[in-house]
Amino acid sequence: MTYIDFYFNVENKFNKIHAIIEREIVRKRKIFIHVDDLSDAKRLSDFLYSTSHTSFFPHSIGHSEEIAPIHIDWDHKFVSDDFMINLKSDISPSFSRYLRLIEIVSQNEEDKKIARDRLKFYRDRGYEIQLIDATNEM
C-alpha cells in the first residue's frame, strides 16, 4: 500500500523538494516529481542545478531516455514505483503504484483548499497518511 506524507504550511515548495531529495537520495530512492507542464519542469530543474554548490542531484526531464535517480515529468510516462512527489493540483491516476507519495501544500489558501480535497480522497480510500506541519520543522 502507498504511504502518503502531506507537508503543509510549506513556505517554498522547491526548497522542501530539495530537502526531501537530500534525505531520500542517500537511500537510493528513484524519485518521480509530477509537475503541471514543461515550464514547471524546467523551473524545478534550474532550481536543482543552482541550489547547492556542494551537491548535485542528477535528474532528467520529460520523455528522456536518460536514466537518472530523479525524473521530472508532467505526463507521467516514467517507469518507477518507488517515490513520487506530486506538485499537481489533481491526483495522479497511478499514484497507488508508488511505495510513497509526497504531497506538498503551500501557505496559499487556494492551494490548501485543493489539497484538502486530495487528502479526503486518500483518506476515504483507507490510505495511511502522515500530516507534517512544515512550520514546526527546523
Protein backbone atom coordinates (compact mmCIF):
# COMPACT_ATOMS: atom_id res chain seq x y z
CA MET A 1 0.00 0.00 0.00
CA THR A 2 1.12 3.54 -0.72
CA TYR A 3 2.15 5.62 2.30
CA ILE A 4 1.32 9.29 1.93
CA ASP A 5 3.04 12.29 3.55
CA PHE A 6 1.33 15.67 3.41
CA TYR A 7 3.71 18.54 4.11
CA PHE A 8 1.57 21.60 4.77
CA ASN A 9 2.32 25.27 5.50
CA VAL A 10 5.32 24.99 3.19
CA GLU A 11 6.85 28.40 2.57
CA ASN A 12 8.76 27.40 -0.58
CA LYS A 13 7.87 24.17 -2.39
CA PHE A 14 11.18 23.93 -4.25
CA ASN A 15 13.17 24.25 -1.01
CA LYS A 16 11.04 21.50 0.53
CA ILE A 17 11.62 19.26 -2.51
CA HIS A 18 15.36 19.88 -2.23
CA ALA A 19 15.30 18.85 1.46
CA ILE A 20 13.31 15.70 0.68
CA ILE A 21 15.63 14.74 -2.17
CA GLU A 22 18.69 15.27 0.02
CA ARG A 23 17.25 12.86 2.57
CA GLU A 24 15.95 10.24 0.14
CA ILE A 25 18.71 10.14 -2.49
CA VAL A 26 21.14 8.59 0.00
CA ARG A 27 18.59 5.80 0.45
CA LYS A 28 18.93 5.08 -3.28
CA ARG A 29 15.34 6.09 -3.99
CA LYS A 30 14.09 6.58 -7.54
CA ILE A 31 12.12 9.81 -7.30
CA PHE A 32 9.43 10.93 -9.72
CA ILE A 33 8.33 14.58 -9.44
CA HIS A 34 4.96 15.22 -11.06
CA VAL A 35 4.62 18.82 -12.31
CA ASP A 36 1.97 20.67 -14.34
CA ASP A 37 3.92 21.27 -17.55
CA LEU A 38 7.27 21.62 -19.28
CA SER A 39 7.70 25.16 -17.97
CA ASP A 40 7.37 23.97 -14.35
CA ALA A 41 9.76 21.09 -15.06
CA LYS A 42 12.39 23.48 -16.40
CA ARG A 43 11.98 25.86 -13.44
CA LEU A 44 12.44 22.99 -10.98
CA SER A 45 15.40 21.64 -12.96
CA ASP A 46 17.09 25.05 -12.94
CA PHE A 47 16.48 25.27 -9.21
CA LEU A 48 18.03 21.84 -8.59
CA TYR A 49 21.08 22.82 -10.66
CA SER A 50 21.62 26.11 -8.87
CA THR A 51 20.59 25.45 -5.27
CA SER A 52 23.63 23.77 -3.82
CA HIS A 53 27.27 24.24 -4.68
CA THR A 54 28.25 21.13 -2.71
CA SER A 55 25.75 18.63 -4.09
CA PHE A 56 24.22 17.86 -7.45
CA PHE A 57 21.05 15.88 -7.97
CA PRO A 58 21.19 14.08 -11.31
CA HIS A 59 17.80 14.33 -12.93
CA SER A 60 16.00 14.08 -16.24
CA ILE A 61 13.00 15.89 -17.66
CA GLY A 62 10.08 14.72 -19.76
CA HIS A 63 10.33 11.89 -22.22
CA SER A 64 14.03 11.43 -21.73
CA GLU A 65 15.71 8.11 -22.44
CA GLU A 66 18.29 9.09 -19.83
CA ILE A 67 18.17 7.08 -16.65
CA ALA A 68 18.51 9.32 -13.60
CA PRO A 69 17.55 8.81 -9.98
CA ILE A 70 15.24 11.84 -10.20
CA HIS A 71 12.78 12.33 -13.02
CA ILE A 72 10.58 15.40 -13.54
CA ASP A 73 7.57 14.98 -15.82
CA TRP A 74 4.03 16.23 -16.45
CA ASP A 75 2.62 13.29 -18.45
CA HIS A 76 3.53 10.53 -16.04
CA LYS A 77 5.46 8.40 -18.51
CA PHE A 78 8.22 7.49 -16.08
CA VAL A 79 8.62 3.88 -15.05
CA SER A 80 9.30 3.75 -11.34
CA ASP A 81 7.34 2.60 -8.35
CA ASP A 82 9.45 3.90 -5.51
CA PHE A 83 8.78 7.52 -4.64
CA MET A 84 6.51 10.23 -6.07
CA ILE A 85 6.39 13.93 -5.22
CA ASN A 86 3.17 15.46 -6.52
CA LEU A 87 3.17 19.17 -7.38
CA LYS A 88 0.00 18.99 -9.45
CA SER A 89 -3.33 20.05 -8.02
CA ASP A 90 -5.01 16.85 -9.18
CA ILE A 91 -4.47 13.27 -8.17
CA SER A 92 -2.31 11.15 -10.43
CA PRO A 93 -4.29 8.14 -11.67
CA SER A 94 -1.31 5.90 -10.94
CA PHE A 95 -0.31 7.25 -7.51
CA SER A 96 -1.11 3.90 -5.87
CA ARG A 97 1.71 2.10 -7.67
CA TYR A 98 4.26 4.06 -5.61
CA LEU A 99 5.53 2.97 -2.22
CA ARG A 100 5.48 6.58 -1.01
CA LEU A 101 3.65 9.67 -2.20
CA ILE A 102 4.61 13.15 -1.03
CA GLU A 103 2.09 15.99 -1.31
CA ILE A 104 3.45 19.48 -0.72
CA VAL A 105 0.99 22.22 0.26
CA SER A 106 1.94 25.87 0.44
CA GLN A 107 0.56 28.54 2.75
CA ASN A 108 -1.69 29.80 -0.05
CA GLU A 109 -5.40 29.39 0.80
CA GLU A 110 -6.37 28.09 -2.65
CA ASP A 111 -3.55 25.52 -2.53
CA LYS A 112 -4.76 24.41 0.93
CA LYS A 113 -8.35 24.05 -0.29
CA ILE A 114 -7.36 21.87 -3.24
CA ALA A 115 -5.04 19.82 -1.00
CA ARG A 116 -7.90 19.16 1.43
CA ASP A 117 -9.84 17.56 -1.43
CA ARG A 118 -6.87 15.31 -2.25
CA LEU A 119 -6.46 14.45 1.45
CA LYS A 120 -10.14 13.49 1.70
CA PHE A 121 -9.83 11.35 -1.44
CA TYR A 122 -6.88 9.40 0.03
CA ARG A 123 -8.48 9.06 3.48
CA ASP A 124 -11.78 7.83 2.04
CA ARG A 125 -9.83 5.02 0.36
CA GLY A 126 -8.05 3.98 3.54
CA TYR A 127 -4.51 5.17 2.82
CA GLU A 128 -2.15 5.73 5.72
CA ILE A 129 -1.42 9.46 5.81
CA GLN A 130 1.11 11.39 7.83
CA LEU A 131 0.47 15.13 8.21
CA ILE A 132 3.64 17.16 8.66
CA ASP A 133 3.47 20.85 9.57
CA ALA A 134 6.45 22.45 7.83
CA THR A 135 6.39 25.41 10.22
CA ASN A 136 7.45 23.02 13.01
CA GLU A 137 10.36 21.54 11.05
CA MET A 138 13.72 23.06 11.70
